[in-house]
Amino acid sequence: QVQLVESGGGLVQPGGFLRLSCVASGFPFSHYTIAWYRQGPGKERSLVAVIGHDGSITNYVDSVKGRFTISRDNAQNTVYLQMNSLNAADTAVYYCYARVENTQYWGQGTQVTVSS
């Protein structure tokens, strides 16, 4: 079955950085677009970044442009989210997302907390 497993979250000071990973299984990973979403305290889940099946196309929400970079390694079935210059507004649970054959799949999420 389809599985998405995130890792790499944690507590970081403002201005710091983290790298999130999402390891996928159960579907032909290299054929599918993958996205990162986040849900901050008291907020709805929202899109952060998306990457096309071969990594040639990426898009970001305006608030993370220039700070976050999404990438993928299709040989390792893994998508990454490099997050730099973190601030308190980036505090959230970050989720990996894939839509496979018209079914949506989410990982369990990884907590990112930005605080001094």
C-alpha atoms as a PDB file:
ATOM      1  CA  GLN A   1       0.000   0.000   0.000  1.00  0.00           C
ATOM      2  CA  VAL A   2       1.001   3.609  -0.430  1.00  0.00           C
ATOM      3  CA  GLN A   3       3.063   4.989   2.431  1.00  0.00           C
ATOM      4  CA  LEU A   4       4.644   8.374   2.989  1.00  0.00           C
ATOM      5  CA  VAL A   5       6.973   8.730   5.962  1.00  0.00           C
ATOM      6  CA  GLU A   6       8.310  12.120   6.974  1.00  0.00           C
ATOM      7  CA  SER A   7      11.288  12.849   9.164  1.00  0.00           C
ATOM      8  CA  GLY A   8      13.658  15.669  10.031  1.00  0.00           C
ATOM      9  CA  GLY A   9      11.487  17.967  12.106  1.00  0.00           C
ATOM     10  CA  GLY A  10      12.520  19.442  15.419  1.00  0.00           C
ATOM     11  CA  LEU A  11      13.115  22.561  17.465  1.00  0.00           C
ATOM     12  CA  VAL A  12      15.213  25.268  15.819  1.00  0.00           C
ATOM     13  CA  GLN A  13      16.025  28.873  16.653  1.00  0.00           C
ATOM     14  CA  PRO A  14      14.843  31.738  14.441  1.00  0.00           C
ATOM     15  CA  GLY A  15      17.168  32.077  11.483  1.00  0.00           C
ATOM     16  CA  GLY A  16      18.073  28.423  11.633  1.00  0.00           C
ATOM     17  CA  PHE A  17      17.536  25.637   9.153  1.00  0.00           C
ATOM     18  CA  LEU A  18      16.127  22.134   8.866  1.00  0.00           C
ATOM     19  CA  ARG A  19      15.894  19.526   6.148  1.00  0.00           C
ATOM     20  CA  LEU A  20      12.771  17.413   5.986  1.00  0.00           C
ATOM     21  CA  SER A  21      12.619  14.079   4.189  1.00  0.00           C
ATOM     22  CA  CYS A  22       9.671  12.095   2.880  1.00  0.00           C
ATOM     23  CA  VAL A  23      10.260   8.465   1.935  1.00  0.00           C
ATOM     24  CA  ALA A  24       7.571   6.971  -0.284  1.00  0.00           C
ATOM     25  CA  SER A  25       6.630   3.387  -1.040  1.00  0.00           C
ATOM     26  CA  GLY A  26       3.864   1.359  -2.631  1.00  0.00           C
ATOM     27  CA  PHE A  27       3.592   3.250  -5.912  1.00  0.00           C
ATOM     28  CA  PRO A  28       5.798   4.188  -8.888  1.00  0.00           C
ATOM     29  CA  PHE A  29       7.291   7.224  -7.197  1.00  0.00           C
ATOM     30  CA  SER A  30       9.062   8.675 -10.219  1.00  0.00           C
ATOM     31  CA  HIS A  31       5.754   9.042 -12.060  1.00  0.00           C
ATOM     32  CA  TYR A  32       4.074  11.328  -9.556  1.00  0.00           C
ATOM     33  CA  THR A  33       4.091  14.899  -8.357  1.00  0.00           C
ATOM     34  CA  ILE A  34       4.744  15.206  -4.628  1.00  0.00           C
ATOM     35  CA  ALA A  35       3.920  18.113  -2.340  1.00  0.00           C
ATOM     36  CA  TRP A  36       4.680  19.399   1.137  1.00  0.00           C
ATOM     37  CA  TYR A  37       1.876  20.903   3.196  1.00  0.00           C
ATOM     38  CA  ARG A  38       1.900  22.368   6.682  1.00  0.00           C
ATOM     39  CA  GLN A  39      -0.599  23.049   9.429  1.00  0.00           C
ATOM     40  CA  GLY A  40       0.261  25.640  12.021  1.00  0.00           C
ATOM     41  CA  PRO A  41      -1.421  26.002  15.420  1.00  0.00           C
ATOM     42  CA  GLY A  42      -5.052  26.989  14.923  1.00  0.00           C
ATOM     43  CA  LYS A  43      -4.649  27.109  11.148  1.00  0.00           C
ATOM     44  CA  GLU A  44      -5.841  25.035   8.230  1.00  0.00           C
ATOM     45  CA  ARG A  45      -3.474  22.783   6.352  1.00  0.00           C
ATOM     46  CA  SER A  46      -1.942  24.659   3.416  1.00  0.00           C
ATOM     47  CA  LEU A  47       0.379  23.975   0.516  1.00  0.00           C
ATOM     48  CA  VAL A  48       4.045  24.848   0.958  1.00  0.00           C
ATOM     49  CA  ALA A  49       5.810  23.469  -2.114  1.00  0.00           C
ATOM     50  CA  VAL A  50       5.289  21.012  -4.942  1.00  0.00           C
ATOM     51  CA  ILE A  51       7.652  19.183  -7.268  1.00  0.00           C
ATOM     52  CA  GLY A  52       6.922  17.487 -10.562  1.00  0.00           C
ATOM     53  CA  HIS A  53       7.637  13.841 -11.249  1.00  0.00           C
ATOM     54  CA  ASP A  54      11.148  14.407 -12.569  1.00  0.00           C
ATOM     55  CA  GLY A  55      12.018  17.415 -10.452  1.00  0.00           C
ATOM     56  CA  SER A  56      12.106  19.838 -13.357  1.00  0.00           C
ATOM     57  CA  ILE A  57       9.112  21.844 -12.137  1.00  0.00           C
ATOM     58  CA  THR A  58       8.758  23.281  -8.654  1.00  0.00           C
ATOM     59  CA  ASN A  59       6.387  25.779  -7.104  1.00  0.00           C
ATOM     60  CA  TYR A  60       6.265  27.470  -3.715  1.00  0.00           C
ATOM     61  CA  VAL A  61       3.853  29.484  -1.645  1.00  0.00           C
ATOM     62  CA  ASP A  62       4.968  33.124  -1.613  1.00  0.00           C
ATOM     63  CA  SER A  63       5.837  33.101   2.087  1.00  0.00           C
ATOM     64  CA  VAL A  64       8.632  30.534   1.624  1.00  0.00           C
ATOM     65  CA  LYS A  65      10.053  31.568  -1.751  1.00  0.00           C
ATOM     66  CA  GLY A  66      13.777  32.151  -1.531  1.00  0.00           C
ATOM     67  CA  ARG A  67      14.004  30.318   1.815  1.00  0.00           C
ATOM     68  CA  PHE A  68      12.724  26.796   1.110  1.00  0.00           C
ATOM     69  CA  THR A  69      13.846  24.384  -1.596  1.00  0.00           C
ATOM     70  CA  ILE A  70      12.009  21.227  -2.599  1.00  0.00           C
ATOM     71  CA  SER A  71      13.928  18.462  -4.328  1.00  0.00           C
ATOM     72  CA  ARG A  72      13.660  14.747  -4.988  1.00  0.00           C
ATOM     73  CA  ASP A  73      15.782  11.670  -5.496  1.00  0.00           C
ATOM     74  CA  ASN A  74      13.779   9.215  -7.548  1.00  0.00           C
ATOM     75  CA  ALA A  75      16.373   6.488  -7.045  1.00  0.00           C
ATOM     76  CA  GLN A  76      15.732   6.723  -3.290  1.00  0.00           C
ATOM     77  CA  ASN A  77      11.952   7.388  -3.513  1.00  0.00           C
ATOM     78  CA  THR A  78      12.543  10.467  -1.399  1.00  0.00           C
ATOM     79  CA  VAL A  79      11.468  14.088  -1.483  1.00  0.00           C
ATOM     80  CA  TYR A  80      13.257  16.730   0.548  1.00  0.00           C
ATOM     81  CA  LEU A  81      12.348  20.150   1.862  1.00  0.00           C
ATOM     82  CA  GLN A  82      15.334  22.300   2.740  1.00  0.00           C
ATOM     83  CA  MET A  83      14.140  25.109   4.990  1.00  0.00           C
ATOM     84  CA  ASN A  84      16.433  28.059   5.660  1.00  0.00           C
ATOM     85  CA  SER A  85      15.994  31.334   7.529  1.00  0.00           C
ATOM     86  CA  LEU A  86      13.210  29.848   9.599  1.00  0.00           C
ATOM     87  CA  ASN A  87      10.933  32.095  11.607  1.00  0.00           C
ATOM     88  CA  ALA A  88       8.130  31.613  14.086  1.00  0.00           C
ATOM     89  CA  ALA A  89       5.511  31.674  11.329  1.00  0.00           C
ATOM     90  CA  ASP A  90       7.029  28.464   9.955  1.00  0.00           C
ATOM     91  CA  THR A  91       6.096  26.568  13.116  1.00  0.00           C
ATOM     92  CA  ALA A  92       3.767  23.788  12.003  1.00  0.00           C
ATOM     93  CA  VAL A  93       3.341  20.107  11.394  1.00  0.00           C
ATOM     94  CA  TYR A  94       4.696  19.399   7.924  1.00  0.00           C
ATOM     95  CA  TYR A  95       3.052  16.720   5.792  1.00  0.00           C
ATOM     96  CA  CYS A  96       4.081  14.937   2.631  1.00  0.00           C
ATOM     97  CA  TYR A  97       1.292  14.474   0.069  1.00  0.00           C
ATOM     98  CA  ALA A  98       0.739  12.440  -3.047  1.00  0.00           C
ATOM     99  CA  ARG A  99      -2.288  11.833  -5.224  1.00  0.00           C
ATOM    100  CA  VAL A 100      -2.038   8.362  -6.712  1.00  0.00           C
ATOM    101  CA  GLU A 101      -4.753   7.150  -9.095  1.00  0.00           C
ATOM    102  CA  ASN A 102      -7.235   9.755  -7.807  1.00  0.00           C
ATOM    103  CA  THR A 103      -6.644   8.835  -4.154  1.00  0.00           C
ATOM    104  CA  GLN A 104      -4.988  11.302  -1.779  1.00  0.00           C
ATOM    105  CA  TYR A 105      -2.308  10.071   0.575  1.00  0.00           C
ATOM    106  CA  TRP A 106      -0.730  11.861   3.517  1.00  0.00           C
ATOM    107  CA  GLY A 107       2.176  11.066   5.730  1.00  0.00           C
ATOM    108  CA  GLN A 108       1.887  11.187   9.505  1.00  0.00           C
ATOM    109  CA  GLY A 109       3.573  14.573   9.679  1.00  0.00           C
ATOM    110  CA  THR A 110       6.694  15.920  11.334  1.00  0.00           C
ATOM    111  CA  GLN A 111       6.660  18.793  13.819  1.00  0.00           C
ATOM    112  CA  VAL A 112       8.764  21.877  13.150  1.00  0.00           C
ATOM    113  CA  THR A 113       8.998  24.400  15.966  1.00  0.00           C
ATOM    114  CA  VAL A 114      10.848  27.680  15.524  1.00  0.00           C
ATOM    115  CA  SER A 115      11.529  29.307  18.861  1.00  0.00           C
ATOM    116  CA  SER A 116      14.309  30.924  20.847  1.00  0.00           C
END
